[in-house]
Amino acid sequence: STTRTPPTLAPPLFNFTLNSGPSTILIAPGRTLIYPQVTVTPL
């Protein structure tokens, strides 16, 4: 019990992937839109 060392909890605790949507993101000059998203998915 005295020699067992617990794992060090330091990031990264898990890997992750990044994704975006929608598949086609359109915008016109001079426009501001809020509809695309970026998603972080843990592995």
PDB file of all heavy atoms in Angstrom:
ATOM      1  N   SER A   1       0.809  -1.212   0.000  1.00  0.00           N
ATOM      2  CA  SER A   1       0.000   0.000   0.000  1.00  0.00           C
ATOM      3  C   SER A   1       0.844   1.264   0.000  1.00  0.00           C
ATOM      4  O   SER A   1       0.424   2.286  -0.494  1.00  0.00           O
ATOM      5  CB  SER A   1      -0.942  -0.011   1.217  1.00  0.00           C
ATOM      6  OG  SER A   1      -0.176   0.023   2.408  1.00  0.00           O
ATOM      7  N   THR A   2       2.010   1.201   0.515  1.00  0.00           N
ATOM      8  CA  THR A   2       2.850   2.399   0.596  1.00  0.00           C
ATOM      9  C   THR A   2       3.672   2.610  -0.665  1.00  0.00           C
ATOM     10  O   THR A   2       4.077   3.728  -0.950  1.00  0.00           O
ATOM     11  CB  THR A   2       3.795   2.317   1.807  1.00  0.00           C
ATOM     12  OG1 THR A   2       4.549   1.104   1.730  1.00  0.00           O
ATOM     13  CG2 THR A   2       3.007   2.343   3.107  1.00  0.00           C
ATOM     14  N   THR A   3       3.890   1.557  -1.446  1.00  0.00           N
ATOM     15  CA  THR A   3       4.720   1.699  -2.638  1.00  0.00           C
ATOM     16  C   THR A   3       3.881   1.931  -3.890  1.00  0.00           C
ATOM     17  O   THR A   3       4.421   2.305  -4.908  1.00  0.00           O
ATOM     18  CB  THR A   3       5.586   0.443  -2.834  1.00  0.00           C
ATOM     19  OG1 THR A   3       4.736  -0.704  -2.908  1.00  0.00           O
ATOM     20  CG2 THR A   3       6.562   0.284  -1.688  1.00  0.00           C
ATOM     21  N   ARG A   4       2.540   1.727  -3.820  1.00  0.00           N
ATOM     22  CA  ARG A   4       1.706   1.919  -4.984  1.00  0.00           C
ATOM     23  C   ARG A   4       1.497   3.413  -5.217  1.00  0.00           C
ATOM     24  O   ARG A   4       0.987   4.123  -4.355  1.00  0.00           O
ATOM     25  CB  ARG A   4       0.364   1.221  -4.800  1.00  0.00           C
ATOM     26  CG  ARG A   4      -0.543   1.280  -6.017  1.00  0.00           C
ATOM     27  CD  ARG A   4      -1.848   0.575  -5.756  1.00  0.00           C
ATOM     28  NE  ARG A   4      -1.604  -0.812  -5.403  1.00  0.00           N
ATOM     29  CZ  ARG A   4      -2.471  -1.557  -4.724  1.00  0.00           C
ATOM     30  NH1 ARG A   4      -3.593  -1.046  -4.315  1.00  0.00           N
ATOM     31  NH2 ARG A   4      -2.187  -2.818  -4.437  1.00  0.00           N
ATOM     32  N   THR A   5       1.827   3.898  -6.393  1.00  0.00           N
ATOM     33  CA  THR A   5       1.715   5.315  -6.700  1.00  0.00           C
ATOM     34  C   THR A   5       0.534   5.551  -7.623  1.00  0.00           C
ATOM     35  O   THR A   5       0.476   4.967  -8.700  1.00  0.00           O
ATOM     36  CB  THR A   5       3.002   5.827  -7.378  1.00  0.00           C
ATOM     37  OG1 THR A   5       4.106   5.564  -6.522  1.00  0.00           O
ATOM     38  CG2 THR A   5       2.897   7.321  -7.658  1.00  0.00           C
ATOM     39  N   PRO A   6      -0.446   6.375  -7.228  1.00  0.00           N
ATOM     40  CA  PRO A   6      -1.589   6.633  -8.104  1.00  0.00           C
ATOM     41  C   PRO A   6      -1.150   7.399  -9.341  1.00  0.00           C
ATOM     42  O   PRO A   6      -0.163   8.123  -9.314  1.00  0.00           O
ATOM     43  CB  PRO A   6      -2.520   7.481  -7.220  1.00  0.00           C
ATOM     44  CG  PRO A   6      -1.605   8.121  -6.231  1.00  0.00           C
ATOM     45  CD  PRO A   6      -0.503   7.128  -5.981  1.00  0.00           C
ATOM     46  N   PRO A   7      -1.887   7.213 -10.453  1.00  0.00           N
ATOM     47  CA  PRO A   7      -1.510   7.933 -11.686  1.00  0.00           C
ATOM     48  C   PRO A   7      -1.660   9.432 -11.502  1.00  0.00           C
ATOM     49  O   PRO A   7      -2.535   9.912 -10.780  1.00  0.00           O
ATOM     50  CB  PRO A   7      -2.513   7.395 -12.719  1.00  0.00           C
ATOM     51  CG  PRO A   7      -3.669   6.908 -11.911  1.00  0.00           C
ATOM     52  CD  PRO A   7      -3.080   6.404 -10.625  1.00  0.00           C
ATOM     53  N   THR A   8      -0.787  10.165 -12.134  1.00  0.00           N
ATOM     54  CA  THR A   8      -0.845  11.625 -12.082  1.00  0.00           C
ATOM     55  C   THR A   8      -1.945  12.120 -13.009  1.00  0.00           C
ATOM     56  O   THR A   8      -1.931  11.836 -14.202  1.00  0.00           O
ATOM     57  CB  THR A   8       0.506  12.230 -12.513  1.00  0.00           C
ATOM     58  OG1 THR A   8       1.529  11.746 -11.645  1.00  0.00           O
ATOM     59  CG2 THR A   8       0.445  13.752 -12.437  1.00  0.00           C
ATOM     60  N   LEU A   9      -2.908  12.821 -12.428  1.00  0.00           N
ATOM     61  CA  LEU A   9      -4.030  13.305 -13.211  1.00  0.00           C
ATOM     62  C   LEU A   9      -3.684  14.659 -13.819  1.00  0.00           C
ATOM     63  O   LEU A   9      -3.898  15.706 -13.234  1.00  0.00           O
ATOM     64  CB  LEU A   9      -5.276  13.421 -12.333  1.00  0.00           C
ATOM     65  CG  LEU A   9      -5.825  12.099 -11.791  1.00  0.00           C
ATOM     66  CD1 LEU A   9      -7.019  12.347 -10.908  1.00  0.00           C
ATOM     67  CD2 LEU A   9      -6.183  11.163 -12.920  1.00  0.00           C
ATOM     68  N   ALA A  10      -3.103  14.609 -14.988  1.00  0.00           N
ATOM     69  CA  ALA A  10      -2.745  15.835 -15.700  1.00  0.00           C
ATOM     70  C   ALA A  10      -3.232  15.713 -17.134  1.00  0.00           C
ATOM     71  O   ALA A  10      -3.202  14.633 -17.710  1.00  0.00           O
ATOM     72  CB  ALA A  10      -1.232  16.044 -15.670  1.00  0.00           C
ATOM     73  N   PRO A  11      -3.734  16.787 -17.709  1.00  0.00           N
ATOM     74  CA  PRO A  11      -4.204  16.702 -19.087  1.00  0.00           C
ATOM     75  C   PRO A  11      -3.095  16.220 -20.005  1.00  0.00           C
ATOM     76  O   PRO A  11      -1.932  16.509 -19.759  1.00  0.00           O
ATOM     77  CB  PRO A  11      -4.611  18.142 -19.401  1.00  0.00           C
ATOM     78  CG  PRO A  11      -4.827  18.783 -18.070  1.00  0.00           C
ATOM     79  CD  PRO A  11      -3.858  18.115 -17.144  1.00  0.00           C
ATOM     80  N   PRO A  12      -3.419  15.474 -21.082  1.00  0.00           N
ATOM     81  CA  PRO A  12      -4.783  15.145 -21.464  1.00  0.00           C
ATOM     82  C   PRO A  12      -5.284  13.886 -20.766  1.00  0.00           C
ATOM     83  O   PRO A  12      -4.585  12.877 -20.741  1.00  0.00           O
ATOM     84  CB  PRO A  12      -4.672  14.896 -22.964  1.00  0.00           C
ATOM     85  CG  PRO A  12      -3.274  14.345 -23.129  1.00  0.00           C
ATOM     86  CD  PRO A  12      -2.442  15.041 -22.086  1.00  0.00           C
ATOM     87  N   LEU A  13      -6.466  13.949 -20.175  1.00  0.00           N
ATOM     88  CA  LEU A  13      -7.076  12.757 -19.602  1.00  0.00           C
ATOM     89  C   LEU A  13      -7.654  11.876 -20.697  1.00  0.00           C
ATOM     90  O   LEU A  13      -7.849  10.694 -20.514  1.00  0.00           O
ATOM     91  CB  LEU A  13      -8.170  13.153 -18.621  1.00  0.00           C
ATOM     92  CG  LEU A  13      -7.684  14.020 -17.451  1.00  0.00           C
ATOM     93  CD1 LEU A  13      -8.812  14.356 -16.531  1.00  0.00           C
ATOM     94  CD2 LEU A  13      -6.571  13.316 -16.698  1.00  0.00           C
ATOM     95  N   PHE A  14      -7.976  12.479 -21.815  1.00  0.00           N
ATOM     96  CA  PHE A  14      -8.393  11.715 -22.979  1.00  0.00           C
ATOM     97  C   PHE A  14      -8.021  12.512 -24.227  1.00  0.00           C
ATOM     98  O   PHE A  14      -7.899  13.723 -24.190  1.00  0.00           O
ATOM     99  CB  PHE A  14      -9.899  11.442 -22.969  1.00  0.00           C
ATOM    100  CG  PHE A  14     -10.740  12.632 -22.589  1.00  0.00           C
ATOM    101  CD1 PHE A  14     -10.968  13.673 -23.471  1.00  0.00           C
ATOM    102  CD2 PHE A  14     -11.305  12.708 -21.326  1.00  0.00           C
ATOM    103  CE1 PHE A  14     -11.748  14.763 -23.126  1.00  0.00           C
ATOM    104  CE2 PHE A  14     -12.079  13.795 -20.971  1.00  0.00           C
ATOM    105  CZ  PHE A  14     -12.306  14.819 -21.852  1.00  0.00           C
ATOM    106  N   ASN A  15      -7.823  11.799 -25.314  1.00  0.00           N
ATOM    107  CA  ASN A  15      -7.599  12.476 -26.587  1.00  0.00           C
ATOM    108  C   ASN A  15      -8.938  12.994 -27.107  1.00  0.00           C
ATOM    109  O   ASN A  15      -9.993  12.673 -26.565  1.00  0.00           O
ATOM    110  CB  ASN A  15      -6.962  11.515 -27.587  1.00  0.00           C
ATOM    111  CG  ASN A  15      -5.599  11.044 -27.115  1.00  0.00           C
ATOM    112  OD1 ASN A  15      -4.910  11.765 -26.416  1.00  0.00           O
ATOM    113  ND2 ASN A  15      -5.210   9.836 -27.491  1.00  0.00           N
ATOM    114  N   PHE A  16      -8.909  13.736 -28.168  1.00  0.00           N
ATOM    115  CA  PHE A  16     -10.151  14.279 -28.695  1.00  0.00           C
ATOM    116  C   PHE A  16     -10.011  14.503 -30.190  1.00  0.00           C
ATOM    117  O   PHE A  16      -8.906  14.526 -30.742  1.00  0.00           O
ATOM    118  CB  PHE A  16     -10.515  15.599 -27.992  1.00  0.00           C
ATOM    119  CG  PHE A  16      -9.470  16.673 -28.117  1.00  0.00           C
ATOM    120  CD1 PHE A  16      -9.503  17.578 -29.169  1.00  0.00           C
ATOM    121  CD2 PHE A  16      -8.442  16.773 -27.193  1.00  0.00           C
ATOM    122  CE1 PHE A  16      -8.536  18.562 -29.293  1.00  0.00           C
ATOM    123  CE2 PHE A  16      -7.475  17.753 -27.300  1.00  0.00           C
ATOM    124  CZ  PHE A  16      -7.524  18.652 -28.360  1.00  0.00           C
ATOM    125  N   THR A  17     -11.148  14.646 -30.848  1.00  0.00           N
ATOM    126  CA  THR A  17     -11.178  14.992 -32.260  1.00  0.00           C
ATOM    127  C   THR A  17     -11.976  16.286 -32.423  1.00  0.00           C
ATOM    128  O   THR A  17     -12.764  16.658 -31.553  1.00  0.00           O
ATOM    129  CB  THR A  17     -11.827  13.888 -33.110  1.00  0.00           C
ATOM    130  OG1 THR A  17     -13.193  13.712 -32.685  1.00  0.00           O
ATOM    131  CG2 THR A  17     -11.082  12.579 -32.970  1.00  0.00           C
ATOM    132  N   LEU A  18     -11.763  16.964 -33.537  1.00  0.00           N
ATOM    133  CA  LEU A  18     -12.490  18.191 -33.860  1.00  0.00           C
ATOM    134  C   LEU A  18     -13.264  17.976 -35.150  1.00  0.00           C
ATOM    135  O   LEU A  18     -12.794  17.294 -36.063  1.00  0.00           O
ATOM    136  CB  LEU A  18     -11.534  19.374 -34.021  1.00  0.00           C
ATOM    137  CG  LEU A  18     -10.720  19.766 -32.783  1.00  0.00           C
ATOM    138  CD1 LEU A  18      -9.722  20.877 -33.138  1.00  0.00           C
ATOM    139  CD2 LEU A  18     -11.635  20.225 -31.656  1.00  0.00           C
ATOM    140  N   ASN A  19     -14.451  18.570 -35.198  1.00  0.00           N
ATOM    141  CA  ASN A  19     -15.279  18.464 -36.393  1.00  0.00           C
ATOM    142  C   ASN A  19     -16.051  19.772 -36.562  1.00  0.00           C
ATOM    143  O   ASN A  19     -16.108  20.584 -35.641  1.00  0.00           O
ATOM    144  CB  ASN A  19     -16.254  17.288 -36.268  1.00  0.00           C
ATOM    145  CG  ASN A  19     -16.783  16.849 -37.611  1.00  0.00           C
ATOM    146  OD1 ASN A  19     -16.450  17.418 -38.638  1.00  0.00           O
ATOM    147  ND2 ASN A  19     -17.624  15.822 -37.610  1.00  0.00           N
ATOM    148  N   SER A  20     -16.633  19.969 -37.729  1.00  0.00           N
ATOM    149  CA  SER A  20     -17.400  21.189 -37.974  1.00  0.00           C
ATOM    150  C   SER A  20     -18.668  20.852 -38.734  1.00  0.00           C
ATOM    151  O   SER A  20     -18.812  19.783 -39.324  1.00  0.00           O
ATOM    152  CB  SER A  20     -16.562  22.206 -38.757  1.00  0.00           C
ATOM    153  OG  SER A  20     -16.288  21.720 -40.057  1.00  0.00           O
ATOM    154  N   GLY A  21     -19.593  21.769 -38.721  1.00  0.00           N
ATOM    155  CA  GLY A  21     -20.834  21.609 -39.460  1.00  0.00           C
ATOM    156  C   GLY A  21     -21.432  22.981 -39.727  1.00  0.00           C
ATOM    157  O   GLY A  21     -21.138  23.932 -39.009  1.00  0.00           O
ATOM    158  N   PRO A  22     -22.239  23.110 -40.750  1.00  0.00           N
ATOM    159  CA  PRO A  22     -22.628  22.077 -41.719  1.00  0.00           C
ATOM    160  C   PRO A  22     -21.497  21.762 -42.682  1.00  0.00           C
ATOM    161  O   PRO A  22     -20.439  22.370 -42.623  1.00  0.00           O
ATOM    162  CB  PRO A  22     -23.821  22.719 -42.441  1.00  0.00           C
ATOM    163  CG  PRO A  22     -23.532  24.183 -42.383  1.00  0.00           C
ATOM    164  CD  PRO A  22     -22.878  24.410 -41.048  1.00  0.00           C
ATOM    165  N   SER A  23     -21.762  20.838 -43.570  1.00  0.00           N
ATOM    166  CA  SER A  23     -20.703  20.436 -44.502  1.00  0.00           C
ATOM    167  C   SER A  23     -20.343  21.572 -45.460  1.00  0.00           C
ATOM    168  O   SER A  23     -19.197  21.683 -45.886  1.00  0.00           O
ATOM    169  CB  SER A  23     -21.148  19.196 -45.285  1.00  0.00           C
ATOM    170  OG  SER A  23     -22.399  19.437 -45.927  1.00  0.00           O
ATOM    171  N   THR A  24     -21.320  22.414 -45.829  1.00  0.00           N
ATOM    172  CA  THR A  24     -21.065  23.585 -46.662  1.00  0.00           C
ATOM    173  C   THR A  24     -21.368  24.831 -45.850  1.00  0.00           C
ATOM    174  O   THR A  24     -22.488  25.007 -45.355  1.00  0.00           O
ATOM    175  CB  THR A  24     -21.934  23.567 -47.931  1.00  0.00           C
ATOM    176  OG1 THR A  24     -21.652  22.385 -48.670  1.00  0.00           O
ATOM    177  CG2 THR A  24     -21.649  24.781 -48.796  1.00  0.00           C
ATOM    178  N   ILE A  25     -20.383  25.699 -45.690  1.00  0.00           N
ATOM    179  CA  ILE A  25     -20.531  26.931 -44.913  1.00  0.00           C
ATOM    180  C   ILE A  25     -20.409  28.100 -45.880  1.00  0.00           C
ATOM    181  O   ILE A  25     -19.342  28.327 -46.457  1.00  0.00           O
ATOM    182  CB  ILE A  25     -19.472  27.017 -43.803  1.00  0.00           C
ATOM    183  CG1 ILE A  25     -19.638  25.829 -42.840  1.00  0.00           C
ATOM    184  CG2 ILE A  25     -19.580  28.320 -43.038  1.00  0.00           C
ATOM    185  CD1 ILE A  25     -18.565  25.744 -41.789  1.00  0.00           C
ATOM    186  N   LEU A  26     -21.506  28.834 -46.062  1.00  0.00           N
ATOM    187  CA  LEU A  26     -21.533  29.954 -47.001  1.00  0.00           C
ATOM    188  C   LEU A  26     -21.624  31.276 -46.249  1.00  0.00           C
ATOM    189  O   LEU A  26     -22.232  31.357 -45.176  1.00  0.00           O
ATOM    190  CB  LEU A  26     -22.743  29.851 -47.941  1.00  0.00           C
ATOM    191  CG  LEU A  26     -22.836  28.633 -48.860  1.00  0.00           C
ATOM    192  CD1 LEU A  26     -24.067  28.759 -49.746  1.00  0.00           C
ATOM    193  CD2 LEU A  26     -21.581  28.479 -49.708  1.00  0.00           C
ATOM    194  N   ILE A  27     -21.056  32.301 -46.835  1.00  0.00           N
ATOM    195  CA  ILE A  27     -21.187  33.668 -46.343  1.00  0.00           C
ATOM    196  C   ILE A  27     -20.937  34.615 -47.505  1.00  0.00           C
ATOM    197  O   ILE A  27     -20.253  34.248 -48.488  1.00  0.00           O
ATOM    198  CB  ILE A  27     -20.223  33.951 -45.172  1.00  0.00           C
ATOM    199  CG1 ILE A  27     -20.637  35.220 -44.442  1.00  0.00           C
ATOM    200  CG2 ILE A  27     -18.772  34.008 -45.655  1.00  0.00           C
ATOM    201  CD1 ILE A  27     -19.902  35.450 -43.146  1.00  0.00           C
ATOM    202  N   ALA A  28     -21.509  35.814 -47.423  1.00  0.00           N
ATOM    203  CA  ALA A  28     -21.307  36.837 -48.444  1.00  0.00           C
ATOM    204  C   ALA A  28     -20.477  37.967 -47.869  1.00  0.00           C
ATOM    205  O   ALA A  28     -20.444  38.166 -46.645  1.00  0.00           O
ATOM    206  CB  ALA A  28     -22.663  37.364 -48.934  1.00  0.00           C
ATOM    207  N   PRO A  29     -19.775  38.702 -48.696  1.00  0.00           N
ATOM    208  CA  PRO A  29     -18.982  39.834 -48.201  1.00  0.00           C
ATOM    209  C   PRO A  29     -19.849  40.828 -47.422  1.00  0.00           C
ATOM    210  O   PRO A  29     -20.983  41.127 -47.800  1.00  0.00           O
ATOM    211  CB  PRO A  29     -18.424  40.471 -49.482  1.00  0.00           C
ATOM    212  CG  PRO A  29     -18.427  39.363 -50.481  1.00  0.00           C
ATOM    213  CD  PRO A  29     -19.630  38.535 -50.166  1.00  0.00           C
ATOM    214  N   GLY A  30     -19.307  41.298 -46.297  1.00  0.00           N
ATOM    215  CA  GLY A  30     -20.017  42.265 -45.482  1.00  0.00           C
ATOM    216  C   GLY A  30     -21.071  41.658 -44.581  1.00  0.00           C
ATOM    217  O   GLY A  30     -21.804  42.397 -43.908  1.00  0.00           O
ATOM    218  N   ARG A  31     -21.170  40.339 -44.525  1.00  0.00           N
ATOM    219  CA  ARG A  31     -22.187  39.676 -43.696  1.00  0.00           C
ATOM    220  C   ARG A  31     -21.564  39.073 -42.442  1.00  0.00           C
ATOM    221  O   ARG A  31     -20.387  38.682 -42.428  1.00  0.00           O
ATOM    222  CB  ARG A  31     -22.885  38.559 -44.487  1.00  0.00           C
ATOM    223  CG  ARG A  31     -23.685  39.001 -45.677  1.00  0.00           C
ATOM    224  CD  ARG A  31     -24.989  39.676 -45.286  1.00  0.00           C
ATOM    225  NE  ARG A  31     -25.854  38.818 -44.506  1.00  0.00           N
ATOM    226  CZ  ARG A  31     -26.758  37.976 -45.035  1.00  0.00           C
ATOM    227  NH1 ARG A  31     -26.881  37.862 -46.353  1.00  0.00           N
ATOM    228  NH2 ARG A  31     -27.535  37.261 -44.248  1.00  0.00           N
ATOM    229  N   THR A  32     -22.369  38.998 -41.390  1.00  0.00           N
ATOM    230  CA  THR A  32     -22.009  38.289 -40.158  1.00  0.00           C
ATOM    231  C   THR A  32     -23.109  37.278 -39.870  1.00  0.00           C
ATOM    232  O   THR A  32     -24.293  37.650 -39.786  1.00  0.00           O
ATOM    233  CB  THR A  32     -21.863  39.248 -38.969  1.00  0.00           C
ATOM    234  OG1 THR A  32     -20.748  40.116 -39.193  1.00  0.00           O
ATOM    235  CG2 THR A  32     -21.603  38.475 -37.679  1.00  0.00           C
ATOM    236  N   LEU A  33     -22.728  36.023 -39.739  1.00  0.00           N
ATOM    237  CA  LEU A  33     -23.696  34.949 -39.509  1.00  0.00           C
ATOM    238  C   LEU A  33     -23.268  34.104 -38.315  1.00  0.00           C
ATOM    239  O   LEU A  33     -22.073  33.939 -38.049  1.00  0.00           O
ATOM    240  CB  LEU A  33     -23.808  34.057 -40.743  1.00  0.00           C
ATOM    241  CG  LEU A  33     -24.301  34.717 -42.039  1.00  0.00           C
ATOM    242  CD1 LEU A  33     -24.246  33.721 -43.190  1.00  0.00           C
ATOM    243  CD2 LEU A  33     -25.721  35.247 -41.859  1.00  0.00           C
ATOM    244  N   ILE A  34     -24.280  33.580 -37.623  1.00  0.00           N
ATOM    245  CA  ILE A  34     -24.027  32.644 -36.514  1.00  0.00           C
ATOM    246  C   ILE A  34     -24.789  31.361 -36.819  1.00  0.00           C
ATOM    247  O   ILE A  34     -25.991  31.273 -36.597  1.00  0.00           O
ATOM    248  CB  ILE A  34     -24.478  33.224 -35.158  1.00  0.00           C
ATOM    249  CG1 ILE A  34     -23.735  34.517 -34.851  1.00  0.00           C
ATOM    250  CG2 ILE A  34     -24.238  32.216 -34.041  1.00  0.00           C
ATOM    251  CD1 ILE A  34     -24.231  35.232 -33.611  1.00  0.00           C
ATOM    252  N   TYR A  35     -24.117  30.409 -37.404  1.00  0.00           N
ATOM    253  CA  TYR A  35     -24.746  29.108 -37.630  1.00  0.00           C
ATOM    254  C   TYR A  35     -23.739  27.970 -37.746  1.00  0.00           C
ATOM    255  O   TYR A  35     -24.074  26.822 -37.429  1.00  0.00           O
ATOM    256  CB  TYR A  35     -25.647  29.139 -38.878  1.00  0.00           C
ATOM    257  CG  TYR A  35     -24.915  29.112 -40.201  1.00  0.00           C
ATOM    258  CD1 TYR A  35     -24.705  27.911 -40.876  1.00  0.00           C
ATOM    259  CD2 TYR A  35     -24.445  30.282 -40.782  1.00  0.00           C
ATOM    260  CE1 TYR A  35     -24.039  27.884 -42.088  1.00  0.00           C
ATOM    261  CE2 TYR A  35     -23.794  30.261 -41.998  1.00  0.00           C
ATOM    262  CZ  TYR A  35     -23.590  29.063 -42.648  1.00  0.00           C
ATOM    263  OH  TYR A  35     -22.940  29.043 -43.851  1.00  0.00           O
ATOM    264  N   PRO A  36     -22.473  28.226 -38.146  1.00  0.00           N
ATOM    265  CA  PRO A  36     -21.519  27.094 -38.143  1.00  0.00           C
ATOM    266  C   PRO A  36     -21.174  26.700 -36.705  1.00  0.00           C
ATOM    267  O   PRO A  36     -21.324  27.490 -35.767  1.00  0.00           O
ATOM    268  CB  PRO A  36     -20.292  27.660 -38.868  1.00  0.00           C
ATOM    269  CG  PRO A  36     -20.734  28.937 -39.493  1.00  0.00           C
ATOM    270  CD  PRO A  36     -21.856  29.452 -38.652  1.00  0.00           C
ATOM    271  N   GLN A  37     -20.708  25.482 -36.540  1.00  0.00           N
ATOM    272  CA  GLN A  37     -20.309  24.985 -35.228  1.00  0.00           C
ATOM    273  C   GLN A  37     -19.027  24.186 -35.337  1.00  0.00           C
ATOM    274  O   GLN A  37     -18.751  23.565 -36.364  1.00  0.00           O
ATOM    275  CB  GLN A  37     -21.402  24.091 -34.605  1.00  0.00           C
ATOM    276  CG  GLN A  37     -22.648  24.847 -34.198  1.00  0.00           C
ATOM    277  CD  GLN A  37     -23.584  23.977 -33.381  1.00  0.00           C
ATOM    278  OE1 GLN A  37     -23.292  22.823 -33.107  1.00  0.00           O
ATOM    279  NE2 GLN A  37     -24.716  24.535 -32.984  1.00  0.00           N
ATOM    280  N   VAL A  38     -18.267  24.211 -34.245  1.00  0.00           N
ATOM    281  CA  VAL A  38     -17.106  23.333 -34.081  1.00  0.00           C
ATOM    282  C   VAL A  38     -17.389  22.414 -32.903  1.00  0.00           C
ATOM    283  O   VAL A  38     -17.845  22.877 -31.848  1.00  0.00           O
ATOM    284  CB  VAL A  38     -15.810  24.130 -33.841  1.00  0.00           C
ATOM    285  CG1 VAL A  38     -14.676  23.203 -33.417  1.00  0.00           C
ATOM    286  CG2 VAL A  38     -15.415  24.878 -35.099  1.00  0.00           C
ATOM    287  N   THR A  39     -17.157  21.133 -33.084  1.00  0.00           N
ATOM    288  CA  THR A  39     -17.467  20.143 -32.059  1.00  0.00           C
ATOM    289  C   THR A  39     -16.195  19.454 -31.586  1.00  0.00           C
ATOM    290  O   THR A  39     -15.373  19.028 -32.401  1.00  0.00           O
ATOM    291  CB  THR A  39     -18.454  19.086 -32.598  1.00  0.00           C
ATOM    292  OG1 THR A  39     -19.644  19.745 -33.038  1.00  0.00           O
ATOM    293  CG2 THR A  39     -18.807  18.073 -31.520  1.00  0.00           C
ATOM    294  N   VAL A  40     -16.038  19.363 -30.268  1.00  0.00           N
ATOM    295  CA  VAL A  40     -14.933  18.628 -29.644  1.00  0.00           C
ATOM    296  C   VAL A  40     -15.484  17.308 -29.139  1.00  0.00           C
ATOM    297  O   VAL A  40     -16.406  17.285 -28.315  1.00  0.00           O
ATOM    298  CB  VAL A  40     -14.317  19.414 -28.480  1.00  0.00           C
ATOM    299  CG1 VAL A  40     -13.102  18.676 -27.922  1.00  0.00           C
ATOM    300  CG2 VAL A  40     -13.945  20.825 -28.920  1.00  0.00           C
ATOM    301  N   THR A  41     -14.941  16.213 -29.641  1.00  0.00           N
ATOM    302  CA  THR A  41     -15.425  14.883 -29.263  1.00  0.00           C
ATOM    303  C   THR A  41     -14.313  14.123 -28.548  1.00  0.00           C
ATOM    304  O   THR A  41     -13.251  13.890 -29.120  1.00  0.00           O
ATOM    305  CB  THR A  41     -15.861  14.087 -30.505  1.00  0.00           C
ATOM    306  OG1 THR A  41     -16.851  14.838 -31.213  1.00  0.00           O
ATOM    307  CG2 THR A  41     -16.437  12.738 -30.106  1.00  0.00           C
ATOM    308  N   PRO A  42     -14.526  13.737 -27.274  1.00  0.00           N
ATOM    309  CA  PRO A  42     -13.496  12.988 -26.544  1.00  0.00           C
ATOM    310  C   PRO A  42     -13.374  11.562 -27.054  1.00  0.00           C
ATOM    311  O   PRO A  42     -14.344  10.968 -27.528  1.00  0.00           O
ATOM    312  CB  PRO A  42     -13.991  13.028 -25.096  1.00  0.00           C
ATOM    313  CG  PRO A  42     -15.467  13.169 -25.224  1.00  0.00           C
ATOM    314  CD  PRO A  42     -15.709  13.998 -26.451  1.00  0.00           C
ATOM    315  N   LEU A  43     -12.186  11.026 -26.962  1.00  0.00           N
ATOM    316  CA  LEU A  43     -11.920   9.637 -27.319  1.00  0.00           C
ATOM    317  C   LEU A  43     -11.580   8.863 -26.049  1.00  0.00           C
ATOM    318  O   LEU A  43     -11.081   9.431 -25.086  1.00  0.00           O
ATOM    319  CB  LEU A  43     -10.756   9.545 -28.314  1.00  0.00           C
ATOM    320  CG  LEU A  43     -10.959  10.277 -29.640  1.00  0.00           C
ATOM    321  CD1 LEU A  43      -9.693  10.181 -30.493  1.00  0.00           C
ATOM    322  CD2 LEU A  43     -12.142   9.689 -30.395  1.00  0.00           C
TER     323      LEU A  43
END
